[in-house]
All heavy atoms as atom14 arrays in JSON, in Angstrom:
{
  "sequence": "TGVTVLVTAYQKAHAARCVLALAGLNDDLSRVFGIMGLDQVFTL",
  "atom14_mask": [
    [1, 1, 1, 1, 1, 1, 1, 0, 0, 0, 0, 0, 0, 0],
    [1, 1, 1, 1, 0, 0, 0, 0, 0, 0, 0, 0, 0, 0],
    [1, 1, 1, 1, 1, 1, 1, 0, 0, 0, 0, 0, 0, 0],
    [1, 1, 1, 1, 1, 1, 1, 0, 0, 0, 0, 0, 0, 0],
    [1, 1, 1, 1, 1, 1, 1, 0, 0, 0, 0, 0, 0, 0],
    [1, 1, 1, 1, 1, 1, 1, 1, 0, 0, 0, 0, 0, 0],
    [1, 1, 1, 1, 1, 1, 1, 0, 0, 0, 0, 0, 0, 0],
    [1, 1, 1, 1, 1, 1, 1, 0, 0, 0, 0, 0, 0, 0],
    [1, 1, 1, 1, 1, 0, 0, 0, 0, 0, 0, 0, 0, 0],
    [1, 1, 1, 1, 1, 1, 1, 1, 1, 1, 1, 1, 0, 0],
    [1, 1, 1, 1, 1, 1, 1, 1, 1, 0, 0, 0, 0, 0],
    [1, 1, 1, 1, 1, 1, 1, 1, 1, 0, 0, 0, 0, 0],
    [1, 1, 1, 1, 1, 0, 0, 0, 0, 0, 0, 0, 0, 0],
    [1, 1, 1, 1, 1, 1, 1, 1, 1, 1, 0, 0, 0, 0],
    [1, 1, 1, 1, 1, 0, 0, 0, 0, 0, 0, 0, 0, 0],
    [1, 1, 1, 1, 1, 0, 0, 0, 0, 0, 0, 0, 0, 0],
    [1, 1, 1, 1, 1, 1, 1, 1, 1, 1, 1, 0, 0, 0],
    [1, 1, 1, 1, 1, 1, 0, 0, 0, 0, 0, 0, 0, 0],
    [1, 1, 1, 1, 1, 1, 1, 0, 0, 0, 0, 0, 0, 0],
    [1, 1, 1, 1, 1, 1, 1, 1, 0, 0, 0, 0, 0, 0],
    [1, 1, 1, 1, 1, 0, 0, 0, 0, 0, 0, 0, 0, 0],
    [1, 1, 1, 1, 1, 1, 1, 1, 0, 0, 0, 0, 0, 0],
    [1, 1, 1, 1, 1, 0, 0, 0, 0, 0, 0, 0, 0, 0],
    [1, 1, 1, 1, 0, 0, 0, 0, 0, 0, 0, 0, 0, 0],
    [1, 1, 1, 1, 1, 1, 1, 1, 0, 0, 0, 0, 0, 0],
    [1, 1, 1, 1, 1, 1, 1, 1, 0, 0, 0, 0, 0, 0],
    [1, 1, 1, 1, 1, 1, 1, 1, 0, 0, 0, 0, 0, 0],
    [1, 1, 1, 1, 1, 1, 1, 1, 0, 0, 0, 0, 0, 0],
    [1, 1, 1, 1, 1, 1, 1, 1, 0, 0, 0, 0, 0, 0],
    [1, 1, 1, 1, 1, 1, 0, 0, 0, 0, 0, 0, 0, 0],
    [1, 1, 1, 1, 1, 1, 1, 1, 1, 1, 1, 0, 0, 0],
    [1, 1, 1, 1, 1, 1, 1, 0, 0, 0, 0, 0, 0, 0],
    [1, 1, 1, 1, 1, 1, 1, 1, 1, 1, 1, 0, 0, 0],
    [1, 1, 1, 1, 0, 0, 0, 0, 0, 0, 0, 0, 0, 0],
    [1, 1, 1, 1, 1, 1, 1, 1, 0, 0, 0, 0, 0, 0],
    [1, 1, 1, 1, 1, 1, 1, 1, 0, 0, 0, 0, 0, 0],
    [1, 1, 1, 1, 0, 0, 0, 0, 0, 0, 0, 0, 0, 0],
    [1, 1, 1, 1, 1, 1, 1, 1, 0, 0, 0, 0, 0, 0],
    [1, 1, 1, 1, 1, 1, 1, 1, 0, 0, 0, 0, 0, 0],
    [1, 1, 1, 1, 1, 1, 1, 1, 1, 0, 0, 0, 0, 0],
    [1, 1, 1, 1, 1, 1, 1, 0, 0, 0, 0, 0, 0, 0],
    [1, 1, 1, 1, 1, 1, 1, 1, 1, 1, 1, 0, 0, 0],
    [1, 1, 1, 1, 1, 1, 1, 0, 0, 0, 0, 0, 0, 0],
    [1, 1, 1, 1, 1, 1, 1, 1, 0, 0, 0, 0, 0, 0]
  ],
  "atom14_positions": [
    [[8.58, -13.5, -5.93], [7.58, -13.08, -6.86], [6.3, -13.92, -6.78], [5.22, -13.51, -6.77], [8.11, -12.88, -8.22], [9.19, -12.13, -8.29], [7.0, -12.23, -9.18], [0.0, 0.0, 0.0], [0.0, 0.0, 0.0], [0.0, 0.0, 0.0], [0.0, 0.0, 0.0], [0.0, 0.0, 0.0], [0.0, 0.0, 0.0], [0.0, 0.0, 0.0]],
    [[6.6, -15.21, -6.79], [5.63, -16.26, -6.71], [4.8, -16.18, -5.34], [3.48, -16.26, -5.31], [0.0, 0.0, 0.0], [0.0, 0.0, 0.0], [0.0, 0.0, 0.0], [0.0, 0.0, 0.0], [0.0, 0.0, 0.0], [0.0, 0.0, 0.0], [0.0, 0.0, 0.0], [0.0, 0.0, 0.0], [0.0, 0.0, 0.0], [0.0, 0.0, 0.0]],
    [[5.5, -15.86, -4.25], [4.82, -15.71, -2.92], [3.95, -14.49, -2.93], [2.77, -14.49, -2.39], [5.96, -15.66, -1.75], [5.24, -15.23, -0.45], [6.69, -16.94, -1.61], [0.0, 0.0, 0.0], [0.0, 0.0, 0.0], [0.0, 0.0, 0.0], [0.0, 0.0, 0.0], [0.0, 0.0, 0.0], [0.0, 0.0, 0.0], [0.0, 0.0, 0.0]],
    [[4.33, -13.48, -3.57], [3.6, -12.2, -3.71], [2.27, -12.46, -4.44], [1.13, -12.02, -4.05], [4.45, -11.14, -4.52], [5.53, -10.78, -3.76], [3.54, -9.91, -4.63], [0.0, 0.0, 0.0], [0.0, 0.0, 0.0], [0.0, 0.0, 0.0], [0.0, 0.0, 0.0], [0.0, 0.0, 0.0], [0.0, 0.0, 0.0], [0.0, 0.0, 0.0]],
    [[2.32, -13.43, -5.54], [1.05, -13.73, -6.31], [0.12, -14.42, -5.38], [-1.06, -14.23, -5.32], [1.41, -14.45, -7.49], [0.21, -15.12, -8.13], [2.2, -13.61, -8.61], [0.0, 0.0, 0.0], [0.0, 0.0, 0.0], [0.0, 0.0, 0.0], [0.0, 0.0, 0.0], [0.0, 0.0, 0.0], [0.0, 0.0, 0.0], [0.0, 0.0, 0.0]],
    [[0.76, -15.26, -4.47], [-0.15, -16.13, -3.61], [-0.74, -15.18, -2.51], [-1.94, -15.39, -2.24], [0.64, -17.24, -2.92], [1.24, -18.35, -3.88], [2.13, -19.29, -3.18], [0.05, -19.04, -4.59], [0.0, 0.0, 0.0], [0.0, 0.0, 0.0], [0.0, 0.0, 0.0], [0.0, 0.0, 0.0], [0.0, 0.0, 0.0], [0.0, 0.0, 0.0]],
    [[-0.03, -14.22, -1.97], [-0.55, -13.24, -1.08], [-1.61, -12.37, -1.64], [-2.63, -12.19, -1.02], [0.62, -12.38, -0.43], [0.06, -11.21, 0.39], [1.59, -13.22, 0.35], [0.0, 0.0, 0.0], [0.0, 0.0, 0.0], [0.0, 0.0, 0.0], [0.0, 0.0, 0.0], [0.0, 0.0, 0.0], [0.0, 0.0, 0.0], [0.0, 0.0, 0.0]],
    [[-1.42, -11.88, -2.87], [-2.46, -11.21, -3.5], [-3.75, -12.0, -3.72], [-4.8, -11.46, -3.53], [-1.91, -10.78, -4.96], [-0.89, -9.95, -4.68], [-2.89, -9.86, -5.75], [0.0, 0.0, 0.0], [0.0, 0.0, 0.0], [0.0, 0.0, 0.0], [0.0, 0.0, 0.0], [0.0, 0.0, 0.0], [0.0, 0.0, 0.0], [0.0, 0.0, 0.0]],
    [[-3.53, -13.34, -4.06], [-4.76, -14.17, -4.22], [-5.4, -14.2, -2.88], [-6.67, -14.28, -2.73], [-4.37, -15.45, -4.63], [0.0, 0.0, 0.0], [0.0, 0.0, 0.0], [0.0, 0.0, 0.0], [0.0, 0.0, 0.0], [0.0, 0.0, 0.0], [0.0, 0.0, 0.0], [0.0, 0.0, 0.0], [0.0, 0.0, 0.0], [0.0, 0.0, 0.0]],
    [[-4.75, -14.37, -1.73], [-5.23, -14.4, -0.45], [-6.1, -13.16, -0.18], [-7.2, -13.16, 0.33], [-4.3, -14.63, 0.58], [-4.74, -14.32, 2.15], [-5.49, -15.23, 2.79], [-4.75, -13.14, 2.64], [-6.08, -14.98, 3.9], [-5.19, -12.78, 3.87], [-5.91, -13.84, 4.46], [-6.44, -13.53, 5.76], [0.0, 0.0, 0.0], [0.0, 0.0, 0.0]],
    [[-5.54, -11.98, -0.48], [-6.15, -10.75, -0.34], [-7.5, -10.61, -1.03], [-8.58, -10.2, -0.48], [-5.18, -9.61, -0.66], [-4.02, -9.4, 0.36], [-3.06, -8.44, -0.23], [-2.84, -8.26, -1.28], [-2.24, -7.86, 0.75], [0.0, 0.0, 0.0], [0.0, 0.0, 0.0], [0.0, 0.0, 0.0], [0.0, 0.0, 0.0], [0.0, 0.0, 0.0]],
    [[-7.51, -11.06, -2.35], [-8.69, -11.07, -3.09], [-9.77, -11.9, -2.63], [-10.9, -11.57, -2.58], [-8.42, -11.51, -4.52], [-7.58, -10.34, -5.26], [-7.37, -10.84, -6.77], [-6.53, -9.75, -7.51], [-6.34, -10.19, -8.93], [0.0, 0.0, 0.0], [0.0, 0.0, 0.0], [0.0, 0.0, 0.0], [0.0, 0.0, 0.0], [0.0, 0.0, 0.0]],
    [[-9.42, -13.12, -2.17], [-10.33, -14.2, -1.59], [-10.85, -13.6, -0.28], [-12.04, -13.71, -0.06], [-9.5, -15.5, -1.4], [0.0, 0.0, 0.0], [0.0, 0.0, 0.0], [0.0, 0.0, 0.0], [0.0, 0.0, 0.0], [0.0, 0.0, 0.0], [0.0, 0.0, 0.0], [0.0, 0.0, 0.0], [0.0, 0.0, 0.0], [0.0, 0.0, 0.0]],
    [[-9.92, -13.05, 0.56], [-10.37, -12.48, 1.88], [-11.34, -11.35, 1.69], [-12.43, -11.35, 2.32], [-9.27, -12.11, 2.69], [-9.59, -11.65, 4.09], [-9.9, -12.53, 5.1], [-9.57, -10.39, 4.54], [-10.21, -11.86, 6.14], [-9.99, -10.64, 5.94], [0.0, 0.0, 0.0], [0.0, 0.0, 0.0], [0.0, 0.0, 0.0], [0.0, 0.0, 0.0]],
    [[-11.2, -10.55, 0.77], [-12.09, -9.27, 0.48], [-13.36, -9.83, -0.01], [-14.38, -9.25, 0.32], [-11.44, -8.35, -0.54], [0.0, 0.0, 0.0], [0.0, 0.0, 0.0], [0.0, 0.0, 0.0], [0.0, 0.0, 0.0], [0.0, 0.0, 0.0], [0.0, 0.0, 0.0], [0.0, 0.0, 0.0], [0.0, 0.0, 0.0], [0.0, 0.0, 0.0]],
    [[-13.36, -10.9, -0.83], [-14.61, -11.54, -1.37], [-15.34, -12.48, -0.35], [-16.31, -12.96, -0.7], [-14.4, -12.11, -2.61], [0.0, 0.0, 0.0], [0.0, 0.0, 0.0], [0.0, 0.0, 0.0], [0.0, 0.0, 0.0], [0.0, 0.0, 0.0], [0.0, 0.0, 0.0], [0.0, 0.0, 0.0], [0.0, 0.0, 0.0], [0.0, 0.0, 0.0]],
    [[-14.74, -12.67, 0.87], [-15.2, -13.77, 1.8], [-15.34, -15.06, 1.2], [-16.22, -15.88, 1.28], [-16.61, -13.2, 2.35], [-16.47, -12.07, 3.28], [-17.81, -11.59, 3.77], [-18.69, -11.02, 2.66], [-19.87, -11.41, 2.36], [-20.48, -12.35, 3.11], [-20.54, -10.87, 1.4], [0.0, 0.0, 0.0], [0.0, 0.0, 0.0], [0.0, 0.0, 0.0]],
    [[-14.28, -15.4, 0.41], [-14.07, -16.69, -0.29], [-13.05, -17.45, 0.53], [-12.07, -16.84, 0.89], [-13.69, -16.4, -1.69], [-13.21, -17.94, -2.64], [0.0, 0.0, 0.0], [0.0, 0.0, 0.0], [0.0, 0.0, 0.0], [0.0, 0.0, 0.0], [0.0, 0.0, 0.0], [0.0, 0.0, 0.0], [0.0, 0.0, 0.0], [0.0, 0.0, 0.0]],
    [[-13.19, -18.69, 0.54], [-12.27, -19.63, 1.26], [-11.14, -19.98, 0.34], [-11.39, -20.3, -0.73], [-12.88, -20.91, 1.86], [-11.88, -21.76, 2.46], [-14.01, -20.56, 2.83], [0.0, 0.0, 0.0], [0.0, 0.0, 0.0], [0.0, 0.0, 0.0], [0.0, 0.0, 0.0], [0.0, 0.0, 0.0], [0.0, 0.0, 0.0], [0.0, 0.0, 0.0]],
    [[-9.85, -19.64, 0.72], [-8.76, -20.07, -0.1], [-7.84, -20.99, 0.78], [-7.51, -20.61, 1.9], [-7.93, -18.81, -0.55], [-6.57, -19.01, -1.3], [-6.88, -19.68, -2.63], [-5.84, -17.71, -1.36], [0.0, 0.0, 0.0], [0.0, 0.0, 0.0], [0.0, 0.0, 0.0], [0.0, 0.0, 0.0], [0.0, 0.0, 0.0], [0.0, 0.0, 0.0]],
    [[-7.36, -22.03, 0.16], [-6.44, -23.02, 0.94], [-5.33, -23.3, -0.06], [-5.48, -23.44, -1.27], [-7.13, -24.18, 1.31], [0.0, 0.0, 0.0], [0.0, 0.0, 0.0], [0.0, 0.0, 0.0], [0.0, 0.0, 0.0], [0.0, 0.0, 0.0], [0.0, 0.0, 0.0], [0.0, 0.0, 0.0], [0.0, 0.0, 0.0], [0.0, 0.0, 0.0]],
    [[-4.19, -23.53, 0.6], [-2.94, -23.93, -0.19], [-2.79, -25.31, 0.24], [-2.56, -25.72, 1.46], [-1.79, -23.11, 0.07], [-1.87, -21.5, -0.07], [-0.67, -20.83, 0.11], [-2.34, -21.2, -1.45], [0.0, 0.0, 0.0], [0.0, 0.0, 0.0], [0.0, 0.0, 0.0], [0.0, 0.0, 0.0], [0.0, 0.0, 0.0], [0.0, 0.0, 0.0]],
    [[-2.7, -26.28, -0.72], [-2.46, -27.74, -0.45], [-1.15, -28.16, -0.96], [-0.71, -27.81, -1.93], [-3.59, -28.53, -1.07], [0.0, 0.0, 0.0], [0.0, 0.0, 0.0], [0.0, 0.0, 0.0], [0.0, 0.0, 0.0], [0.0, 0.0, 0.0], [0.0, 0.0, 0.0], [0.0, 0.0, 0.0], [0.0, 0.0, 0.0], [0.0, 0.0, 0.0]],
    [[-0.54, -29.13, -0.21], [0.65, -29.69, -0.76], [1.95, -29.04, -0.76], [2.81, -29.32, -1.62], [0.0, 0.0, 0.0], [0.0, 0.0, 0.0], [0.0, 0.0, 0.0], [0.0, 0.0, 0.0], [0.0, 0.0, 0.0], [0.0, 0.0, 0.0], [0.0, 0.0, 0.0], [0.0, 0.0, 0.0], [0.0, 0.0, 0.0], [0.0, 0.0, 0.0]],
    [[2.16, -28.02, -0.03], [3.47, -27.35, 0.0], [4.58, -28.33, 0.32], [4.48, -29.17, 1.3], [3.4, -26.18, 1.09], [2.85, -24.84, 0.63], [1.32, -24.97, 0.43], [3.22, -23.72, 1.69], [0.0, 0.0, 0.0], [0.0, 0.0, 0.0], [0.0, 0.0, 0.0], [0.0, 0.0, 0.0], [0.0, 0.0, 0.0], [0.0, 0.0, 0.0]],
    [[5.55, -28.16, -0.42], [6.81, -28.99, -0.14], [7.55, -28.4, 1.16], [7.18, -27.26, 1.58], [7.78, -28.96, -1.29], [8.41, -27.73, -1.72], [8.57, -26.86, -0.86], [8.58, -27.47, -3.02], [0.0, 0.0, 0.0], [0.0, 0.0, 0.0], [0.0, 0.0, 0.0], [0.0, 0.0, 0.0], [0.0, 0.0, 0.0], [0.0, 0.0, 0.0]],
    [[8.45, -29.11, 1.54], [9.24, -28.65, 2.93], [9.87, -27.3, 2.79], [9.78, -26.56, 3.76], [10.2, -29.89, 3.27], [9.58, -31.07, 3.72], [8.41, -31.06, 4.09], [10.23, -32.16, 3.77], [0.0, 0.0, 0.0], [0.0, 0.0, 0.0], [0.0, 0.0, 0.0], [0.0, 0.0, 0.0], [0.0, 0.0, 0.0], [0.0, 0.0, 0.0]],
    [[10.41, -27.06, 1.65], [11.12, -25.77, 1.5], [10.1, -24.65, 1.53], [10.36, -23.64, 2.28], [11.92, -25.79, 0.14], [13.18, -26.68, 0.14], [13.69, -27.06, 1.28], [13.63, -27.08, -0.94], [0.0, 0.0, 0.0], [0.0, 0.0, 0.0], [0.0, 0.0, 0.0], [0.0, 0.0, 0.0], [0.0, 0.0, 0.0], [0.0, 0.0, 0.0]],
    [[9.09, -24.74, 0.83], [8.12, -23.69, 0.79], [7.42, -23.55, 2.09], [7.03, -22.37, 2.55], [7.09, -23.91, -0.39], [6.16, -22.67, -0.61], [6.94, -21.41, -0.92], [5.33, -23.01, -1.88], [0.0, 0.0, 0.0], [0.0, 0.0, 0.0], [0.0, 0.0, 0.0], [0.0, 0.0, 0.0], [0.0, 0.0, 0.0], [0.0, 0.0, 0.0]],
    [[7.15, -24.71, 2.83], [6.53, -24.64, 4.12], [7.49, -23.87, 5.12], [6.95, -23.07, 5.86], [6.23, -26.03, 4.63], [5.28, -26.72, 3.9], [0.0, 0.0, 0.0], [0.0, 0.0, 0.0], [0.0, 0.0, 0.0], [0.0, 0.0, 0.0], [0.0, 0.0, 0.0], [0.0, 0.0, 0.0], [0.0, 0.0, 0.0], [0.0, 0.0, 0.0]],
    [[8.71, -24.09, 4.97], [9.74, -23.43, 5.87], [9.8, -21.95, 5.6], [9.78, -21.14, 6.46], [11.14, -24.0, 5.62], [12.12, -23.48, 6.61], [13.52, -24.2, 6.59], [14.11, -24.22, 5.26], [14.22, -25.31, 4.58], [13.65, -26.53, 4.82], [14.84, -25.17, 3.34], [0.0, 0.0, 0.0], [0.0, 0.0, 0.0], [0.0, 0.0, 0.0]],
    [[9.69, -21.51, 4.31], [9.71, -20.13, 3.89], [8.4, -19.46, 4.54], [8.45, -18.43, 5.02], [9.74, -19.96, 2.31], [9.39, -18.48, 1.96], [11.19, -20.36, 1.95], [0.0, 0.0, 0.0], [0.0, 0.0, 0.0], [0.0, 0.0, 0.0], [0.0, 0.0, 0.0], [0.0, 0.0, 0.0], [0.0, 0.0, 0.0], [0.0, 0.0, 0.0]],
    [[7.26, -20.09, 4.34], [5.94, -19.55, 4.83], [6.14, -19.41, 6.33], [5.65, -18.46, 6.86], [4.86, -20.48, 4.52], [4.22, -20.23, 3.1], [5.06, -19.96, 2.1], [2.89, -19.97, 3.0], [4.52, -19.57, 0.81], [2.32, -19.64, 1.79], [3.1, -19.5, 0.63], [0.0, 0.0, 0.0], [0.0, 0.0, 0.0], [0.0, 0.0, 0.0]],
    [[6.71, -20.32, 7.05], [7.03, -20.32, 8.52], [7.85, -19.12, 8.97], [7.47, -18.39, 9.81], [0.0, 0.0, 0.0], [0.0, 0.0, 0.0], [0.0, 0.0, 0.0], [0.0, 0.0, 0.0], [0.0, 0.0, 0.0], [0.0, 0.0, 0.0], [0.0, 0.0, 0.0], [0.0, 0.0, 0.0], [0.0, 0.0, 0.0], [0.0, 0.0, 0.0]],
    [[8.81, -18.97, 8.29], [9.87, -17.82, 8.49], [9.11, -16.49, 8.27], [9.28, -15.54, 9.03], [11.08, -17.88, 7.68], [11.9, -19.14, 8.06], [11.94, -16.7, 7.68], [12.96, -19.53, 7.09], [0.0, 0.0, 0.0], [0.0, 0.0, 0.0], [0.0, 0.0, 0.0], [0.0, 0.0, 0.0], [0.0, 0.0, 0.0], [0.0, 0.0, 0.0]],
    [[8.24, -16.4, 7.19], [7.55, -15.07, 6.84], [6.43, -14.87, 7.76], [5.81, -13.91, 7.61], [7.38, -15.11, 5.38], [8.53, -15.21, 4.48], [8.04, -15.29, 2.76], [7.57, -13.49, 2.51], [0.0, 0.0, 0.0], [0.0, 0.0, 0.0], [0.0, 0.0, 0.0], [0.0, 0.0, 0.0], [0.0, 0.0, 0.0], [0.0, 0.0, 0.0]],
    [[5.98, -15.92, 8.36], [4.66, -15.83, 9.26], [3.47, -16.03, 8.37], [2.38, -15.83, 8.82], [0.0, 0.0, 0.0], [0.0, 0.0, 0.0], [0.0, 0.0, 0.0], [0.0, 0.0, 0.0], [0.0, 0.0, 0.0], [0.0, 0.0, 0.0], [0.0, 0.0, 0.0], [0.0, 0.0, 0.0], [0.0, 0.0, 0.0], [0.0, 0.0, 0.0]],
    [[3.65, -16.44, 7.07], [2.5, -16.67, 6.29], [1.7, -18.0, 6.57], [0.61, -18.15, 6.31], [2.92, -16.7, 4.84], [3.44, -15.45, 4.25], [3.89, -15.64, 2.8], [2.34, -14.37, 4.31], [0.0, 0.0, 0.0], [0.0, 0.0, 0.0], [0.0, 0.0, 0.0], [0.0, 0.0, 0.0], [0.0, 0.0, 0.0], [0.0, 0.0, 0.0]],
    [[2.39, -18.76, 7.39], [1.61, -19.96, 7.92], [0.53, -19.59, 8.94], [-0.33, -20.37, 9.13], [2.57, -21.07, 8.54], [3.44, -20.5, 9.66], [3.64, -19.23, 9.85], [3.87, -21.21, 10.57], [0.0, 0.0, 0.0], [0.0, 0.0, 0.0], [0.0, 0.0, 0.0], [0.0, 0.0, 0.0], [0.0, 0.0, 0.0], [0.0, 0.0, 0.0]],
    [[0.69, -18.44, 9.36], [-0.36, -17.89, 10.29], [-1.5, -17.16, 9.4], [-2.6, -16.83, 10.07], [0.23, -16.9, 11.31], [1.27, -17.52, 12.08], [0.7, -18.68, 12.87], [-0.27, -18.63, 13.68], [1.53, -19.83, 12.72], [0.0, 0.0, 0.0], [0.0, 0.0, 0.0], [0.0, 0.0, 0.0], [0.0, 0.0, 0.0], [0.0, 0.0, 0.0]],
    [[-1.28, -16.94, 8.26], [-2.26, -16.19, 7.37], [-3.07, -17.18, 6.52], [-4.26, -17.11, 6.5], [-1.49, -15.12, 6.46], [-2.42, -14.44, 5.56], [-0.78, -14.08, 7.44], [0.0, 0.0, 0.0], [0.0, 0.0, 0.0], [0.0, 0.0, 0.0], [0.0, 0.0, 0.0], [0.0, 0.0, 0.0], [0.0, 0.0, 0.0], [0.0, 0.0, 0.0]],
    [[-2.33, -18.0, 5.83], [-2.92, -18.92, 4.85], [-3.68, -20.13, 5.67], [-3.0, -20.54, 6.74], [-1.95, -19.39, 3.86], [-1.72, -18.42, 2.8], [-0.49, -17.66, 2.89], [-2.38, -18.35, 1.68], [-0.16, -16.72, 1.94], [-2.05, -17.47, 0.63], [-0.93, -16.69, 0.69], [0.0, 0.0, 0.0], [0.0, 0.0, 0.0], [0.0, 0.0, 0.0]],
    [[-4.59, -20.73, 4.93], [-4.94, -22.14, 5.4], [-4.14, -23.01, 4.64], [-4.19, -23.2, 3.37], [-6.44, -22.33, 5.08], [-7.22, -21.35, 5.81], [-6.89, -23.66, 5.41], [0.0, 0.0, 0.0], [0.0, 0.0, 0.0], [0.0, 0.0, 0.0], [0.0, 0.0, 0.0], [0.0, 0.0, 0.0], [0.0, 0.0, 0.0], [0.0, 0.0, 0.0]],
    [[-3.19, -23.73, 5.22], [-2.31, -24.68, 4.69], [-2.73, -26.06, 5.11], [-2.92, -26.38, 6.26], [-0.79, -24.46, 5.14], [-0.29, -23.02, 4.99], [1.05, -22.89, 5.55], [-0.18, -22.63, 3.51], [0.0, 0.0, 0.0], [0.0, 0.0, 0.0], [0.0, 0.0, 0.0], [0.0, 0.0, 0.0], [0.0, 0.0, 0.0], [0.0, 0.0, 0.0]]
  ]
}
Protein backbone atom coordinates (compact mmCIF):
# COMPACT_ATOMS: atom_id res chain seq x y z
CA THR A 1 0.00 0.00 0.00
CA GLY A 2 2.89 2.33 0.79
CA VAL A 3 4.55 1.50 -2.52
CA THR A 4 1.27 2.30 -4.27
CA VAL A 5 1.23 5.74 -2.65
CA LEU A 6 4.78 6.35 -3.89
CA VAL A 7 3.87 5.23 -7.42
CA THR A 8 0.84 7.54 -7.40
CA ALA A 9 3.10 10.42 -6.34
CA TYR A 10 5.42 9.59 -9.23
CA GLN A 11 2.48 9.63 -11.66
CA LYS A 12 1.30 13.04 -10.40
CA ALA A 13 4.80 14.50 -10.53
CA HIS A 14 5.45 13.08 -14.00
CA ALA A 15 2.14 14.45 -15.33
CA ALA A 16 3.03 17.88 -13.94
CA ARG A 17 6.61 17.72 -15.30
CA CYS A 18 7.88 17.98 -11.74
CA VAL A 19 11.05 16.23 -10.61
CA LEU A 20 10.46 13.61 -7.91
CA ALA A 21 13.30 11.78 -6.18
CA LEU A 22 13.31 9.19 -3.42
CA ALA A 23 16.26 9.49 -1.06
CA GLY A 24 17.67 7.15 1.56
CA LEU A 25 15.88 3.88 0.79
CA ASN A 26 16.96 1.14 3.16
CA ASP A 27 18.33 -2.14 1.79
CA ASP A 28 15.01 -3.99 2.08
CA LEU A 29 13.03 -1.34 0.22
CA SER A 30 15.77 -0.99 -2.39
CA ARG A 31 15.57 -4.74 -2.99
CA VAL A 32 11.76 -4.59 -3.35
CA PHE A 33 12.04 -1.71 -5.80
CA GLY A 34 14.59 -3.71 -7.80
CA ILE A 35 12.40 -6.82 -7.91
CA MET A 36 9.38 -4.75 -9.01
CA GLY A 37 11.39 -2.80 -11.58
CA LEU A 38 10.61 0.47 -9.82
CA ASP A 39 14.30 1.24 -9.62
CA GLN A 40 14.00 1.86 -13.37
CA VAL A 41 11.07 4.27 -12.88
CA PHE A 42 12.00 6.36 -9.85
CA THR A 43 15.00 8.57 -9.37
CA LEU A 44 16.63 6.89 -6.36
